[in-house]
Each structure stands twice: as structure tokens, then as C-alpha cells.
Amino acid sequence: MSIAVLTVALATGVGTITVGQKNILASAQEKPATAEVKIDNFSFGPATLTVPVGTSVTWTNRDDIPHTVVSTDDPKSFKSKVLDTDEKFSFTFSKAGTYPYFCSIHPKMTGKVIVQ
């Protein structure tokens, strides 16, 4: 009888571990996607970024001078404040589409986020 009890206890324990792993995997899959764009040497890198709907994109200014991140559409989908060195700006893309953007201080700096 004690072997039967141990077998049941062991089976229950293994089952709990498996369920626990499934819960961890499920919650990891539910995390919103993130992506990063670096601003450096008067350019956005990567210049074109393709992400799924719901992704939060963060731009980080790694340049020694200020920059902005501004969508080209009107009204603006997103517009950062002036970002000094190491400052960040994030925006979550909730709709599919193509989102071109630029630096309003240096308009030749351009980039694009493609949301699928």
C-alpha cells in the first residue's frame, strides 16, 4: 500500500510540475512584443523595422546631440519630445500598416516601422 501511495504522490508531483511549466510558457507567450531602434550617427538603426501588431518599439538616442522621432502622417500617430543622449521614447503599434517617421530636427534622418 505504501508503494501505491508513493506512486500516486510522485505522479501528482510530476503533474504539478508539468502544469506549472505550461503556465510559465503561456505567460511568456502573452508578454507584449518589444523591439528597439538605436539613434546613432544621424541615423535610425534599423532604418526599416517589421513587427507584429501590439509591439512596443523603443527608440534610444545614442548620439551626442538631440533628436526626435515623429511620424509623417497627419494627425501624428506618434511624436517624441526632444531626446538627449541615452533618452528613450516608446510607442506601441496597435494597428497594422506602414509608419514612416523622421527626426524633426534633422529631417534627412528617416525610418519606417512596418506592422503586420
Protein backbone atom coordinates (compact mmCIF):
# COMPACT_ATOMS: atom_id res chain seq x y z
CA MET A 1 0.00 0.00 0.00
CA SER A 2 2.83 2.44 0.73
CA ILE A 3 4.22 1.86 -2.79
CA ALA A 4 0.82 2.78 -4.20
CA VAL A 5 0.75 5.97 -2.12
CA LEU A 6 4.26 6.89 -3.26
CA THR A 7 3.32 6.24 -6.89
CA VAL A 8 0.26 8.48 -6.61
CA ALA A 9 2.28 11.19 -4.83
CA LEU A 10 5.03 11.02 -7.43
CA ALA A 11 2.52 11.14 -10.30
CA THR A 12 0.76 14.11 -8.72
CA GLY A 13 4.06 15.92 -8.21
CA VAL A 14 5.16 15.40 -11.80
CA GLY A 15 1.74 16.52 -13.00
CA THR A 16 2.02 19.71 -10.98
CA ILE A 17 5.44 20.47 -12.42
CA THR A 18 4.14 19.97 -15.93
CA VAL A 19 1.16 22.23 -15.28
CA GLY A 20 3.49 24.81 -13.75
CA GLN A 21 5.73 24.76 -16.82
CA LYS A 22 2.74 25.18 -19.10
CA ASN A 23 1.61 28.21 -17.09
CA ILE A 24 5.07 29.76 -17.29
CA LEU A 25 5.20 29.19 -21.04
CA ALA A 26 1.70 30.60 -21.52
CA SER A 27 2.51 33.77 -19.59
CA ALA A 28 5.77 34.20 -21.51
CA GLN A 29 3.90 33.95 -24.79
CA GLU A 30 1.38 36.57 -23.62
CA LYS A 31 4.05 39.20 -22.98
CA PRO A 32 3.77 42.06 -25.45
CA ALA A 33 6.46 42.03 -28.12
CA THR A 34 9.17 44.67 -27.96
CA ALA A 35 11.68 46.00 -30.46
CA GLU A 36 14.45 48.58 -30.33
CA VAL A 37 15.74 51.24 -32.70
CA LYS A 38 19.03 52.99 -31.97
CA ILE A 39 19.61 56.58 -32.99
CA ASP A 40 23.29 56.98 -33.73
CA ASN A 41 25.48 58.89 -36.17
CA PHE A 42 22.47 60.78 -37.57
CA SER A 43 20.58 57.61 -38.47
CA PHE A 44 17.93 55.22 -37.20
CA GLY A 45 19.03 51.61 -36.94
CA PRO A 46 17.47 49.57 -38.28
CA ALA A 47 16.09 52.03 -40.82
CA THR A 48 13.16 49.67 -41.54
CA LEU A 49 11.70 47.53 -38.79
CA THR A 50 8.96 44.91 -39.29
CA VAL A 51 6.97 43.93 -36.19
CA PRO A 52 3.67 42.22 -35.31
CA VAL A 53 0.62 44.22 -34.19
CA GLY A 54 0.87 45.07 -30.48
CA THR A 55 4.64 45.54 -30.47
CA SER A 56 6.12 48.31 -28.37
CA VAL A 57 9.06 49.94 -30.18
CA THR A 58 11.63 51.88 -28.15
CA TRP A 59 13.98 54.39 -29.76
CA THR A 60 17.16 55.21 -27.81
CA ASN A 61 19.30 58.23 -28.66
CA ARG A 62 22.94 57.07 -28.66
CA ASP A 63 24.10 60.23 -30.43
CA ASP A 64 25.84 63.15 -28.74
CA ILE A 65 23.18 65.57 -29.99
CA PRO A 66 19.40 65.73 -29.56
CA HIS A 67 16.96 64.02 -31.92
CA THR A 68 13.22 63.41 -32.19
CA VAL A 69 11.04 60.58 -33.51
CA VAL A 70 7.98 61.91 -35.37
CA SER A 71 5.54 60.06 -37.65
CA THR A 72 4.95 61.59 -41.08
CA ASP A 73 1.16 61.14 -41.00
CA ASP A 74 -1.33 63.85 -40.08
CA PRO A 75 -2.52 63.79 -37.38
CA LYS A 76 0.69 62.34 -35.94
CA SER A 77 0.47 58.72 -34.79
CA PHE A 78 3.45 59.35 -32.51
CA LYS A 79 5.77 62.21 -31.63
CA SER A 80 8.58 62.16 -29.10
CA LYS A 81 9.91 65.04 -27.10
CA VAL A 82 13.46 66.10 -27.91
CA LEU A 83 15.64 63.17 -26.82
CA ASP A 84 19.04 63.93 -25.33
CA THR A 85 21.82 61.32 -25.21
CA ASP A 86 20.61 58.00 -23.76
CA GLU A 87 16.99 59.14 -23.52
CA LYS A 88 14.26 56.84 -24.82
CA PHE A 89 10.87 57.08 -26.46
CA SER A 90 8.43 54.17 -26.81
CA PHE A 91 5.27 53.68 -28.84
CA THR A 92 3.01 50.63 -29.09
CA PHE A 93 1.70 49.85 -32.58
CA SER A 94 -1.89 48.62 -32.24
CA LYS A 95 -2.84 48.61 -35.94
CA ALA A 96 -1.27 47.01 -39.00
CA GLY A 97 0.24 49.41 -41.51
CA THR A 98 3.38 51.22 -42.58
CA TYR A 99 4.56 54.04 -40.34
CA PRO A 100 7.27 56.27 -41.82
CA TYR A 101 8.95 58.65 -39.39
CA PHE A 102 11.76 61.22 -39.23
CA CYS A 103 13.74 63.45 -36.88
CA SER A 104 12.12 66.90 -36.89
CA ILE A 105 15.48 68.48 -36.02
CA HIS A 106 17.30 66.66 -38.85
CA PRO A 107 14.62 65.87 -41.49
CA LYS A 108 17.01 63.82 -43.64
CA MET A 109 17.02 61.22 -40.87
CA THR A 110 14.18 58.84 -41.73
CA GLY A 111 12.94 55.42 -40.74
CA LYS A 112 9.95 53.16 -41.13
CA VAL A 113 8.05 50.68 -38.98
CA ILE A 114 6.01 48.05 -40.83
CA VAL A 115 3.35 46.50 -38.61
CA GLN A 116 1.84 43.18 -39.74
